[in-house]
Structures are given as C-alpha cells and as structure tokens.
C-alpha cells in the first residue's frame, strides 16, 4: 500500500491538471512545478508561458487570449523563458471576440524569443495568425543575424478559416503560419481548410516566410476556399515586408495545393531576396526568384 501511494505521488508530481489542480492554465504555469500541464475538456483563457512546459489539451478550447499589444490577444505566448515548450492538442477558437492569434512568439513585442518550440496536433479556427514566430526588423537584407526563435517545429495542425481583421496593407493579412526573421523552422504535415475572406489591401497566405533561414516547409495540404485577391499557399515575401532579411537555404517539398480554389494557387511564391531555394515534388505552381534584395523579375514553373 505504501509503495503504491509513493508511485501515485511521483506520477502526480510529473503532471499538473487544469482545472483539477489549478483553475486556469496561467495558474498552472505560475504556481505549478510539473513539466506537463494537462487541460481537461472545457473553454479556457490563454496564458503566457514563462517556463519550459508540455501543455496538452484534451478537448480543451482556448477562447480568450492575453494582450500582446493594443487590443490584440493571443492564446499562448512564448518568450525566451518558455524555450523548449510543447503545445499540443488544443482548439484555438479565434471566432471568439476575445481571441485573435493562436501561438505567438515575437522578439519585438514580447522582449525576447523562445527557441525549440513545438506546436503539434492543434486546431486553429478563424485566426488572423495561427502560429507566429517573429524576430525584430533588420536594416540590411543581407544580415547574417536574425532574432526570431530558433528551431521551431510546427506539425500536424489544422488551420481552418483564415481571417483578415487585424493586419493592414503590405504588412500582411490572414496568415496561417508566419516565420519572420527566424532560423530553422520546420513546418510540415499541416492542413489548411475553409474560407479565406480577404479584400484588396490584404495579403493572405497559408505559410508566410520572410527572412527565414535554414527552413523547411514540407508535406502540407491546402484545401482552401475563396481568397479572391492575394492568397497563396506558401509565400516568401522578404522583399515586400519591411525589415526582413533575405531568406536563404529554404526547402519546399511535397506541398499539395491541388485542392486550393483560390486564384493565386502557388505552392511556393518565393519572392526576391531568397537564395538557395530547393523545390521538390510540390503540386501546383511554384514561383521562384533567386535575385538579390529586389532585383529581377519573378519566373514560374509548373
């Protein structure tokens, strides 16, 4: 009996539970010490991750976010102190009026960037940006140093119904996964579904890269409806976003946009400034340009 109780106590110390042990995710992060936080079915407020933790949702919905600037709210934020965290199994309900972004990292807005973040098996509904890994702007597009989080893995998520209610003009639109001035992102096995409601001033994209160094975008499926103006499945808009470094060493492989009904159907719209881009087995049109920092025209291949 004593041995059984000791084993149970040891197992319990490895996992904090919401709402059984802590009423909110934020309390579990701040007051708990376990490396794993399990969140039971229900609707919850989001949290700022301030330590490395594996946060697992079991039919758990995040419908209210934490502020990351102005009136914008994100479900889970990850600054440097959260490096090594895993976010798994949640629904981020951005159709709620109290949530705009899903998983959010920004060197500029949060003051630091988290490394080695894994975002896996989540669903993002109606988000302006589902997953964001953003470094700070650079002055020279040839910069060798970028400040975003290193070696994020974003896999097997569903991004459903991109929204364009936040960003304006050339700085974005509804974006599924944004990697801006960051290193080593691995984006694979994600599925993009549902409608994109956009207007001429928005530039929407399933995966948007800008200043992405040593990144891989592979085996993603795009089954997107609408997107009348700027939508493309994968973009590398480094020449168009202010402060972006030139992307380099990109691999875009096995992405499938054959079910994408948007007029801009490109699997890879790789714009000016990128170098050493490799395309392998994508379905759709691949726009590629290896010119440097704004020189040259785009060309395409089927």
C-alpha atoms as a PDB file:
ATOM      1  CA  UNK A   1       0.000   0.000   0.000  1.00  0.00           C
ATOM      2  CA  UNK A   2       2.772   2.437   0.951  1.00  0.00           C
ATOM      3  CA  UNK A   3       4.677   1.631  -2.256  1.00  0.00           C
ATOM      4  CA  UNK A   4       1.533   2.214  -4.327  1.00  0.00           C
ATOM      5  CA  UNK A   5       0.965   5.590  -2.686  1.00  0.00           C
ATOM      6  CA  UNK A   6       4.562   6.622  -3.333  1.00  0.00           C
ATOM      7  CA  UNK A   7       4.269   5.690  -7.014  1.00  0.00           C
ATOM      8  CA  UNK A   8       0.999   7.634  -7.313  1.00  0.00           C
ATOM      9  CA  UNK A   9       2.571  10.698  -5.688  1.00  0.00           C
ATOM     10  CA  UNK A  10       5.570  10.505  -8.020  1.00  0.00           C
ATOM     11  CA  UNK A  11       3.344  10.329 -11.073  1.00  0.00           C
ATOM     12  CA  UNK A  12       1.224  13.218  -9.826  1.00  0.00           C
ATOM     13  CA  UNK A  13       4.314  15.396  -9.404  1.00  0.00           C
ATOM     14  CA  UNK A  14       5.088  14.993 -13.110  1.00  0.00           C
ATOM     15  CA  UNK A  15       1.719  16.431 -14.191  1.00  0.00           C
ATOM     16  CA  UNK A  16      -0.373  19.411 -13.126  1.00  0.00           C
ATOM     17  CA  UNK A  17      -4.020  19.277 -14.158  1.00  0.00           C
ATOM     18  CA  UNK A  18      -6.461  22.021 -15.121  1.00  0.00           C
ATOM     19  CA  UNK A  19      -8.983  22.516 -13.608  1.00  0.00           C
ATOM     20  CA  UNK A  20      -8.465  19.681 -11.078  1.00  0.00           C
ATOM     21  CA  UNK A  21      -5.236  21.050  -9.547  1.00  0.00           C
ATOM     22  CA  UNK A  22      -5.300  24.614 -10.835  1.00  0.00           C
ATOM     23  CA  UNK A  23      -8.341  26.574 -12.004  1.00  0.00           C
ATOM     24  CA  UNK A  24      -6.606  28.154 -15.028  1.00  0.00           C
ATOM     25  CA  UNK A  25      -3.733  27.429 -17.405  1.00  0.00           C
ATOM     26  CA  UNK A  26      -1.947  30.560 -16.184  1.00  0.00           C
ATOM     27  CA  UNK A  27      -2.115  29.406 -12.568  1.00  0.00           C
ATOM     28  CA  UNK A  28      -0.697  26.019 -13.556  1.00  0.00           C
ATOM     29  CA  UNK A  29       2.202  27.757 -15.306  1.00  0.00           C
ATOM     30  CA  UNK A  30       2.873  30.248 -12.489  1.00  0.00           C
ATOM     31  CA  UNK A  31       2.209  28.147  -9.414  1.00  0.00           C
ATOM     32  CA  UNK A  32       2.795  24.602 -10.625  1.00  0.00           C
ATOM     33  CA  UNK A  33       6.160  22.913 -10.973  1.00  0.00           C
ATOM     34  CA  UNK A  34       5.364  19.855 -13.113  1.00  0.00           C
ATOM     35  CA  UNK A  35       6.908  19.575 -16.592  1.00  0.00           C
ATOM     36  CA  UNK A  36       3.486  18.617 -18.028  1.00  0.00           C
ATOM     37  CA  UNK A  37       0.209  20.510 -17.791  1.00  0.00           C
ATOM     38  CA  UNK A  38      -2.872  18.573 -18.866  1.00  0.00           C
ATOM     39  CA  UNK A  39      -6.006  20.590 -19.592  1.00  0.00           C
ATOM     40  CA  UNK A  40      -9.366  18.826 -19.498  1.00  0.00           C
ATOM     41  CA  UNK A  41     -12.338  19.474 -21.770  1.00  0.00           C
ATOM     42  CA  UNK A  42     -13.817  22.964 -21.483  1.00  0.00           C
ATOM     43  CA  UNK A  43     -13.289  26.566 -22.545  1.00  0.00           C
ATOM     44  CA  UNK A  44     -10.361  28.466 -21.069  1.00  0.00           C
ATOM     45  CA  UNK A  45      -8.411  31.679 -21.086  1.00  0.00           C
ATOM     46  CA  UNK A  46      -4.952  31.534 -22.619  1.00  0.00           C
ATOM     47  CA  UNK A  47      -1.652  32.083 -20.858  1.00  0.00           C
ATOM     48  CA  UNK A  48       1.868  33.441 -21.013  1.00  0.00           C
ATOM     49  CA  UNK A  49       4.274  30.501 -20.864  1.00  0.00           C
ATOM     50  CA  UNK A  50       7.134  31.572 -18.616  1.00  0.00           C
ATOM     51  CA  UNK A  51       8.918  28.241 -18.215  1.00  0.00           C
ATOM     52  CA  UNK A  52       9.528  25.169 -20.390  1.00  0.00           C
ATOM     53  CA  UNK A  53       6.392  23.054 -20.210  1.00  0.00           C
ATOM     54  CA  UNK A  54       4.468  20.493 -22.255  1.00  0.00           C
ATOM     55  CA  UNK A  55       0.896  21.796 -22.364  1.00  0.00           C
ATOM     56  CA  UNK A  56      -1.606  19.179 -23.540  1.00  0.00           C
ATOM     57  CA  UNK A  57      -5.264  19.825 -24.287  1.00  0.00           C
ATOM     58  CA  UNK A  58      -7.906  17.091 -24.080  1.00  0.00           C
ATOM     59  CA  UNK A  59     -10.882  18.603 -25.952  1.00  0.00           C
ATOM     60  CA  UNK A  60      -9.781  21.895 -24.432  1.00  0.00           C
ATOM     61  CA  UNK A  61     -10.680  25.160 -26.178  1.00  0.00           C
ATOM     62  CA  UNK A  62      -8.818  28.432 -25.711  1.00  0.00           C
ATOM     63  CA  UNK A  63     -11.329  31.202 -26.424  1.00  0.00           C
ATOM     64  CA  UNK A  64      -9.853  34.216 -24.603  1.00  0.00           C
ATOM     65  CA  UNK A  65      -6.327  35.455 -25.058  1.00  0.00           C
ATOM     66  CA  UNK A  66      -3.688  37.584 -23.355  1.00  0.00           C
ATOM     67  CA  UNK A  67      -2.871  41.000 -24.776  1.00  0.00           C
ATOM     68  CA  UNK A  68       0.255  41.268 -26.931  1.00  0.00           C
ATOM     69  CA  UNK A  69      -0.113  44.890 -27.971  1.00  0.00           C
ATOM     70  CA  UNK A  70      -3.072  47.219 -28.230  1.00  0.00           C
ATOM     71  CA  UNK A  71      -6.291  45.246 -28.342  1.00  0.00           C
ATOM     72  CA  UNK A  72      -4.744  42.174 -29.974  1.00  0.00           C
ATOM     73  CA  UNK A  73      -4.962  38.939 -27.968  1.00  0.00           C
ATOM     74  CA  UNK A  74      -3.074  35.670 -28.346  1.00  0.00           C
ATOM     75  CA  UNK A  75      -3.932  32.240 -26.944  1.00  0.00           C
ATOM     76  CA  UNK A  76      -0.476  31.162 -25.724  1.00  0.00           C
ATOM     77  CA  UNK A  77       2.588  33.424 -25.813  1.00  0.00           C
ATOM     78  CA  UNK A  78       6.163  32.143 -25.746  1.00  0.00           C
ATOM     79  CA  UNK A  79       9.080  34.399 -24.841  1.00  0.00           C
ATOM     80  CA  UNK A  80      12.623  33.145 -24.186  1.00  0.00           C
ATOM     81  CA  UNK A  81      11.807  31.730 -20.742  1.00  0.00           C
ATOM     82  CA  UNK A  82       9.439  29.247 -22.402  1.00  0.00           C
ATOM     83  CA  UNK A  83      12.129  27.768 -24.692  1.00  0.00           C
ATOM     84  CA  UNK A  84      11.686  24.031 -25.112  1.00  0.00           C
ATOM     85  CA  UNK A  85       7.906  24.068 -24.634  1.00  0.00           C
ATOM     86  CA  UNK A  86       5.432  21.823 -26.465  1.00  0.00           C
ATOM     87  CA  UNK A  87       1.853  22.931 -27.217  1.00  0.00           C
ATOM     88  CA  UNK A  88      -0.369  20.026 -28.178  1.00  0.00           C
ATOM     89  CA  UNK A  89      -3.992  19.137 -28.734  1.00  0.00           C
ATOM     90  CA  UNK A  90      -5.802  22.460 -28.257  1.00  0.00           C
ATOM     91  CA  UNK A  91      -8.536  24.217 -30.201  1.00  0.00           C
ATOM     92  CA  UNK A  92      -7.818  27.935 -30.549  1.00  0.00           C
ATOM     93  CA  UNK A  93     -11.233  29.497 -31.170  1.00  0.00           C
ATOM     94  CA  UNK A  94     -10.489  32.829 -32.821  1.00  0.00           C
ATOM     95  CA  UNK A  95     -14.130  33.157 -33.830  1.00  0.00           C
ATOM     96  CA  UNK A  96     -14.457  34.408 -30.261  1.00  0.00           C
ATOM     97  CA  UNK A  97     -14.305  38.196 -29.975  1.00  0.00           C
ATOM     98  CA  UNK A  98     -11.630  37.781 -27.288  1.00  0.00           C
ATOM     99  CA  UNK A  99      -9.028  35.849 -29.314  1.00  0.00           C
ATOM    100  CA  UNK A 100      -7.162  36.953 -32.465  1.00  0.00           C
ATOM    101  CA  UNK A 101      -3.944  34.920 -32.590  1.00  0.00           C
ATOM    102  CA  UNK A 102      -3.069  31.345 -31.650  1.00  0.00           C
ATOM    103  CA  UNK A 103       0.509  30.541 -30.547  1.00  0.00           C
ATOM    104  CA  UNK A 104       2.538  33.735 -30.545  1.00  0.00           C
ATOM    105  CA  UNK A 105       6.247  34.494 -30.282  1.00  0.00           C
ATOM    106  CA  UNK A 106       7.692  37.922 -31.085  1.00  0.00           C
ATOM    107  CA  UNK A 107      11.096  39.278 -30.159  1.00  0.00           C
ATOM    108  CA  UNK A 108       9.858  42.833 -30.623  1.00  0.00           C
ATOM    109  CA  UNK A 109       6.529  42.608 -28.779  1.00  0.00           C
ATOM    110  CA  UNK A 110       7.446  40.134 -26.035  1.00  0.00           C
ATOM    111  CA  UNK A 111      11.004  41.367 -25.499  1.00  0.00           C
ATOM    112  CA  UNK A 112      12.642  38.048 -26.352  1.00  0.00           C
ATOM    113  CA  UNK A 113      12.145  34.953 -28.498  1.00  0.00           C
ATOM    114  CA  UNK A 114      11.687  31.354 -27.467  1.00  0.00           C
ATOM    115  CA  UNK A 115      13.725  28.591 -29.107  1.00  0.00           C
ATOM    116  CA  UNK A 116      12.776  24.959 -29.776  1.00  0.00           C
ATOM    117  CA  UNK A 117       9.013  25.420 -29.567  1.00  0.00           C
ATOM    118  CA  UNK A 118       6.887  22.528 -30.842  1.00  0.00           C
ATOM    119  CA  UNK A 119       3.281  23.179 -31.928  1.00  0.00           C
ATOM    120  CA  UNK A 120       1.582  19.889 -32.774  1.00  0.00           C
ATOM    121  CA  UNK A 121      -1.919  18.487 -33.390  1.00  0.00           C
ATOM    122  CA  UNK A 122      -3.801  21.705 -32.647  1.00  0.00           C
ATOM    123  CA  UNK A 123      -6.741  23.274 -34.484  1.00  0.00           C
ATOM    124  CA  UNK A 124      -6.911  26.999 -35.166  1.00  0.00           C
ATOM    125  CA  UNK A 125     -10.332  28.353 -36.142  1.00  0.00           C
ATOM    126  CA  UNK A 126     -10.720  31.799 -37.738  1.00  0.00           C
ATOM    127  CA  UNK A 127      -7.399  33.206 -36.520  1.00  0.00           C
ATOM    128  CA  UNK A 128      -5.720  36.252 -38.048  1.00  0.00           C
ATOM    129  CA  UNK A 129      -2.458  34.386 -37.421  1.00  0.00           C
ATOM    130  CA  UNK A 130      -2.429  30.831 -36.130  1.00  0.00           C
ATOM    131  CA  UNK A 131       1.280  30.405 -35.322  1.00  0.00           C
ATOM    132  CA  UNK A 132       3.709  33.336 -35.220  1.00  0.00           C
ATOM    133  CA  UNK A 133       7.488  33.255 -34.813  1.00  0.00           C
ATOM    134  CA  UNK A 134       8.701  36.799 -35.421  1.00  0.00           C
ATOM    135  CA  UNK A 135      12.102  38.347 -34.893  1.00  0.00           C
ATOM    136  CA  UNK A 136      12.899  42.043 -34.960  1.00  0.00           C
ATOM    137  CA  UNK A 137      13.394  44.034 -38.150  1.00  0.00           C
ATOM    138  CA  UNK A 138      16.908  44.356 -39.599  1.00  0.00           C
ATOM    139  CA  UNK A 139      18.412  47.269 -41.520  1.00  0.00           C
ATOM    140  CA  UNK A 140      20.309  45.191 -44.077  1.00  0.00           C
ATOM    141  CA  UNK A 141      18.503  42.480 -46.025  1.00  0.00           C
ATOM    142  CA  UNK A 142      21.838  40.603 -46.196  1.00  0.00           C
ATOM    143  CA  UNK A 143      22.014  40.478 -42.395  1.00  0.00           C
ATOM    144  CA  UNK A 144      23.620  37.309 -41.045  1.00  0.00           C
ATOM    145  CA  UNK A 145      21.789  37.650 -37.739  1.00  0.00           C
ATOM    146  CA  UNK A 146      18.070  37.351 -37.123  1.00  0.00           C
ATOM    147  CA  UNK A 147      16.405  37.466 -33.729  1.00  0.00           C
ATOM    148  CA  UNK A 148      13.375  35.188 -34.004  1.00  0.00           C
ATOM    149  CA  UNK A 149      13.107  31.889 -32.220  1.00  0.00           C
ATOM    150  CA  UNK A 150      15.376  29.083 -33.416  1.00  0.00           C
ATOM    151  CA  UNK A 151      14.289  25.590 -34.470  1.00  0.00           C
ATOM    152  CA  UNK A 152      10.537  25.688 -34.086  1.00  0.00           C
ATOM    153  CA  UNK A 153       8.609  22.606 -35.198  1.00  0.00           C
ATOM    154  CA  UNK A 154       5.049  23.228 -36.407  1.00  0.00           C
ATOM    155  CA  UNK A 155       3.422  19.961 -37.449  1.00  0.00           C
ATOM    156  CA  UNK A 156       0.108  18.192 -37.984  1.00  0.00           C
ATOM    157  CA  UNK A 157      -2.036  21.213 -37.147  1.00  0.00           C
ATOM    158  CA  UNK A 158      -5.307  22.204 -38.841  1.00  0.00           C
ATOM    159  CA  UNK A 159      -5.690  25.871 -39.747  1.00  0.00           C
ATOM    160  CA  UNK A 160      -9.326  26.481 -40.604  1.00  0.00           C
ATOM    161  CA  UNK A 161     -10.765  29.710 -41.986  1.00  0.00           C
ATOM    162  CA  UNK A 162      -8.115  32.441 -42.059  1.00  0.00           C
ATOM    163  CA  UNK A 163      -9.342  35.912 -41.062  1.00  0.00           C
ATOM    164  CA  UNK A 164      -8.004  39.303 -42.166  1.00  0.00           C
ATOM    165  CA  UNK A 165      -9.366  41.547 -39.473  1.00  0.00           C
ATOM    166  CA  UNK A 166      -6.055  42.784 -37.987  1.00  0.00           C
ATOM    167  CA  UNK A 167      -3.207  43.394 -40.421  1.00  0.00           C
ATOM    168  CA  UNK A 168      -3.237  46.133 -42.990  1.00  0.00           C
ATOM    169  CA  UNK A 169      -1.751  46.672 -46.448  1.00  0.00           C
ATOM    170  CA  UNK A 170       1.614  45.235 -47.390  1.00  0.00           C
ATOM    171  CA  UNK A 171       2.316  44.081 -43.851  1.00  0.00           C
ATOM    172  CA  UNK A 172       0.133  41.033 -44.026  1.00  0.00           C
ATOM    173  CA  UNK A 173      -3.422  39.813 -43.795  1.00  0.00           C
ATOM    174  CA  UNK A 174      -4.793  36.485 -42.649  1.00  0.00           C
ATOM    175  CA  UNK A 175      -1.757  34.248 -42.182  1.00  0.00           C
ATOM    176  CA  UNK A 176      -1.761  30.638 -41.059  1.00  0.00           C
ATOM    177  CA  UNK A 177       1.894  30.287 -40.081  1.00  0.00           C
ATOM    178  CA  UNK A 178       4.241  33.295 -40.057  1.00  0.00           C
ATOM    179  CA  UNK A 179       8.017  32.920 -39.752  1.00  0.00           C
ATOM    180  CA  UNK A 180       9.711  36.346 -39.890  1.00  0.00           C
ATOM    181  CA  UNK A 181      13.465  36.772 -39.377  1.00  0.00           C
ATOM    182  CA  UNK A 182      13.863  33.398 -37.651  1.00  0.00           C
ATOM    183  CA  UNK A 183      16.103  30.354 -38.056  1.00  0.00           C
ATOM    184  CA  UNK A 184      15.478  26.661 -38.549  1.00  0.00           C
ATOM    185  CA  UNK A 185      11.682  26.465 -38.704  1.00  0.00           C
ATOM    186  CA  UNK A 186      10.276  23.069 -39.733  1.00  0.00           C
ATOM    187  CA  UNK A 187       6.678  23.363 -40.969  1.00  0.00           C
ATOM    188  CA  UNK A 188       5.238  20.031 -42.059  1.00  0.00           C
ATOM    189  CA  UNK A 189       2.110  17.923 -42.213  1.00  0.00           C
ATOM    190  CA  UNK A 190      -0.279  20.822 -41.580  1.00  0.00           C
ATOM    191  CA  UNK A 191      -3.685  21.123 -43.246  1.00  0.00           C
ATOM    192  CA  UNK A 192      -5.244  24.403 -44.316  1.00  0.00           C
ATOM    193  CA  UNK A 193      -9.008  24.365 -44.800  1.00  0.00           C
ATOM    194  CA  UNK A 194     -12.070  26.565 -45.020  1.00  0.00           C
ATOM    195  CA  UNK A 195     -12.729  30.002 -46.469  1.00  0.00           C
ATOM    196  CA  UNK A 196     -10.386  32.964 -46.688  1.00  0.00           C
ATOM    197  CA  UNK A 197     -12.289  36.235 -46.591  1.00  0.00           C
ATOM    198  CA  UNK A 198      -9.999  38.965 -47.839  1.00  0.00           C
ATOM    199  CA  UNK A 199     -10.012  42.384 -49.503  1.00  0.00           C
ATOM    200  CA  UNK A 200      -7.584  44.074 -51.940  1.00  0.00           C
ATOM    201  CA  UNK A 201      -5.485  45.659 -49.184  1.00  0.00           C
ATOM    202  CA  UNK A 202      -4.746  42.306 -47.542  1.00  0.00           C
ATOM    203  CA  UNK A 203      -2.103  39.756 -48.441  1.00  0.00           C
ATOM    204  CA  UNK A 204      -3.152  36.395 -47.114  1.00  0.00           C
ATOM    205  CA  UNK A 205      -1.112  33.226 -47.073  1.00  0.00           C
ATOM    206  CA  UNK A 206      -1.170  29.747 -45.599  1.00  0.00           C
ATOM    207  CA  UNK A 207       2.540  29.790 -44.757  1.00  0.00           C
ATOM    208  CA  UNK A 208       4.294  33.169 -44.923  1.00  0.00           C
ATOM    209  CA  UNK A 209       8.079  33.301 -44.781  1.00  0.00           C
ATOM    210  CA  UNK A 210      10.234  36.438 -44.616  1.00  0.00           C
ATOM    211  CA  UNK A 211      13.834  36.252 -43.534  1.00  0.00           C
ATOM    212  CA  UNK A 212      13.513  32.524 -42.891  1.00  0.00           C
ATOM    213  CA  UNK A 213      16.984  30.968 -42.595  1.00  0.00           C
ATOM    214  CA  UNK A 214      17.533  27.189 -42.984  1.00  0.00           C
ATOM    215  CA  UNK A 215      13.791  26.483 -43.039  1.00  0.00           C
ATOM    216  CA  UNK A 216      11.764  23.550 -44.375  1.00  0.00           C
ATOM    217  CA  UNK A 217       8.120  23.659 -45.490  1.00  0.00           C
ATOM    218  CA  UNK A 218       7.020  20.162 -46.455  1.00  0.00           C
ATOM    219  CA  UNK A 219       4.023  17.866 -46.896  1.00  0.00           C
ATOM    220  CA  UNK A 220       1.411  20.499 -46.107  1.00  0.00           C
ATOM    221  CA  UNK A 221      -2.048  20.273 -47.720  1.00  0.00           C
ATOM    222  CA  UNK A 222      -4.045  23.300 -48.818  1.00  0.00           C
ATOM    223  CA  UNK A 223      -7.784  22.848 -49.244  1.00  0.00           C
ATOM    224  CA  UNK A 224      -8.738  26.497 -49.137  1.00  0.00           C
ATOM    225  CA  UNK A 225     -11.841  28.205 -50.466  1.00  0.00           C
ATOM    226  CA  UNK A 226     -12.285  31.817 -51.610  1.00  0.00           C
ATOM    227  CA  UNK A 227      -9.238  34.036 -51.154  1.00  0.00           C
ATOM    228  CA  UNK A 228     -10.156  36.342 -54.031  1.00  0.00           C
ATOM    229  CA  UNK A 229      -7.164  38.666 -54.049  1.00  0.00           C
ATOM    230  CA  UNK A 230      -3.734  37.898 -52.594  1.00  0.00           C
ATOM    231  CA  UNK A 231      -3.994  34.365 -51.287  1.00  0.00           C
ATOM    232  CA  UNK A 232      -1.170  31.924 -52.000  1.00  0.00           C
ATOM    233  CA  UNK A 233      -0.441  28.677 -50.237  1.00  0.00           C
ATOM    234  CA  UNK A 234       3.208  29.425 -49.412  1.00  0.00           C
ATOM    235  CA  UNK A 235       4.841  32.834 -49.759  1.00  0.00           C
ATOM    236  CA  UNK A 236       8.299  34.196 -49.158  1.00  0.00           C
ATOM    237  CA  UNK A 237       7.664  37.913 -49.151  1.00  0.00           C
ATOM    238  CA  UNK A 238      11.003  39.113 -47.870  1.00  0.00           C
ATOM    239  CA  UNK A 239      11.318  41.835 -50.471  1.00  0.00           C
ATOM    240  CA  UNK A 240       7.883  43.184 -49.597  1.00  0.00           C
ATOM    241  CA  UNK A 241       7.917  43.153 -45.793  1.00  0.00           C
ATOM    242  CA  UNK A 242       9.877  45.987 -44.166  1.00  0.00           C
ATOM    243  CA  UNK A 243      12.916  44.910 -42.185  1.00  0.00           C
ATOM    244  CA  UNK A 244      13.040  41.311 -43.414  1.00  0.00           C
ATOM    245  CA  UNK A 245      16.389  39.668 -44.001  1.00  0.00           C
ATOM    246  CA  UNK A 246      16.907  37.790 -47.243  1.00  0.00           C
ATOM    247  CA  UNK A 247      15.710  34.225 -46.827  1.00  0.00           C
ATOM    248  CA  UNK A 248      18.241  31.526 -47.604  1.00  0.00           C
ATOM    249  CA  UNK A 249      18.503  27.763 -47.634  1.00  0.00           C
ATOM    250  CA  UNK A 250      14.791  27.048 -47.993  1.00  0.00           C
ATOM    251  CA  UNK A 251      13.408  23.600 -48.808  1.00  0.00           C
ATOM    252  CA  UNK A 252       9.829  23.412 -50.072  1.00  0.00           C
ATOM    253  CA  UNK A 253       8.865  19.794 -50.699  1.00  0.00           C
ATOM    254  CA  UNK A 254       5.744  17.690 -51.090  1.00  0.00           C
ATOM    255  CA  UNK A 255       3.250  20.502 -50.545  1.00  0.00           C
ATOM    256  CA  UNK A 256      -0.113  19.985 -52.228  1.00  0.00           C
ATOM    257  CA  UNK A 257      -2.301  22.903 -53.301  1.00  0.00           C
ATOM    258  CA  UNK A 258      -4.289  20.971 -55.893  1.00  0.00           C
ATOM    259  CA  UNK A 259      -7.485  21.415 -53.846  1.00  0.00           C
ATOM    260  CA  UNK A 260      -6.867  25.138 -53.325  1.00  0.00           C
ATOM    261  CA  UNK A 261      -9.672  27.052 -55.066  1.00  0.00           C
ATOM    262  CA  UNK A 262      -8.039  30.464 -54.672  1.00  0.00           C
ATOM    263  CA  UNK A 263      -6.903  32.247 -57.865  1.00  0.00           C
ATOM    264  CA  UNK A 264      -3.349  32.570 -56.528  1.00  0.00           C
ATOM    265  CA  UNK A 265      -2.719  28.847 -56.388  1.00  0.00           C
ATOM    266  CA  UNK A 266       1.021  28.771 -55.819  1.00  0.00           C
ATOM    267  CA  UNK A 267       2.586  26.131 -53.668  1.00  0.00           C
ATOM    268  CA  UNK A 268       5.657  28.332 -53.437  1.00  0.00           C
ATOM    269  CA  UNK A 269       5.616  32.032 -54.204  1.00  0.00           C
ATOM    270  CA  UNK A 270       9.245  32.687 -53.383  1.00  0.00           C
ATOM    271  CA  UNK A 271       9.899  36.371 -53.864  1.00  0.00           C
ATOM    272  CA  UNK A 272      13.003  38.483 -54.195  1.00  0.00           C
ATOM    273  CA  UNK A 273      15.891  38.185 -51.818  1.00  0.00           C
ATOM    274  CA  UNK A 274      15.843  34.438 -51.300  1.00  0.00           C
ATOM    275  CA  UNK A 275      18.792  32.230 -52.149  1.00  0.00           C
ATOM    276  CA  UNK A 276      19.491  28.509 -52.284  1.00  0.00           C
ATOM    277  CA  UNK A 277      15.816  27.566 -52.519  1.00  0.00           C
ATOM    278  CA  UNK A 278      15.086  23.940 -53.377  1.00  0.00           C
ATOM    279  CA  UNK A 279      11.739  22.716 -54.686  1.00  0.00           C
ATOM    280  CA  UNK A 280      10.853  19.055 -54.674  1.00  0.00           C
ATOM    281  CA  UNK A 281       7.566  17.350 -55.504  1.00  0.00           C
ATOM    282  CA  UNK A 282       5.137  20.198 -54.894  1.00  0.00           C
ATOM    283  CA  UNK A 283       1.719  20.113 -56.581  1.00  0.00           C
ATOM    284  CA  UNK A 284       0.699  23.463 -58.043  1.00  0.00           C
ATOM    285  CA  UNK A 285       2.634  26.402 -59.463  1.00  0.00           C
ATOM    286  CA  UNK A 286       5.975  27.327 -57.955  1.00  0.00           C
ATOM    287  CA  UNK A 287       7.059  30.942 -58.351  1.00  0.00           C
ATOM    288  CA  UNK A 288      10.773  31.276 -57.741  1.00  0.00           C
ATOM    289  CA  UNK A 289      13.271  34.131 -57.787  1.00  0.00           C
ATOM    290  CA  UNK A 290      16.871  33.889 -56.649  1.00  0.00           C
ATOM    291  CA  UNK A 291      17.664  37.519 -57.367  1.00  0.00           C
ATOM    292  CA  UNK A 292      19.023  39.584 -54.524  1.00  0.00           C
ATOM    293  CA  UNK A 293      17.125  42.159 -52.488  1.00  0.00           C
ATOM    294  CA  UNK A 294      14.624  43.320 -55.037  1.00  0.00           C
ATOM    295  CA  UNK A 295      16.455  42.935 -58.349  1.00  0.00           C
ATOM    296  CA  UNK A 296      14.992  40.871 -61.165  1.00  0.00           C
ATOM    297  CA  UNK A 297      11.588  39.566 -62.174  1.00  0.00           C
ATOM    298  CA  UNK A 298       9.742  36.535 -60.937  1.00  0.00           C
ATOM    299  CA  UNK A 299       9.505  33.490 -63.120  1.00  0.00           C
ATOM    300  CA  UNK A 300       7.494  30.347 -62.604  1.00  0.00           C
ATOM    301  CA  UNK A 301       7.486  26.694 -63.386  1.00  0.00           C
ATOM    302  CA  UNK A 302       4.666  24.144 -63.374  1.00  0.00           C
END
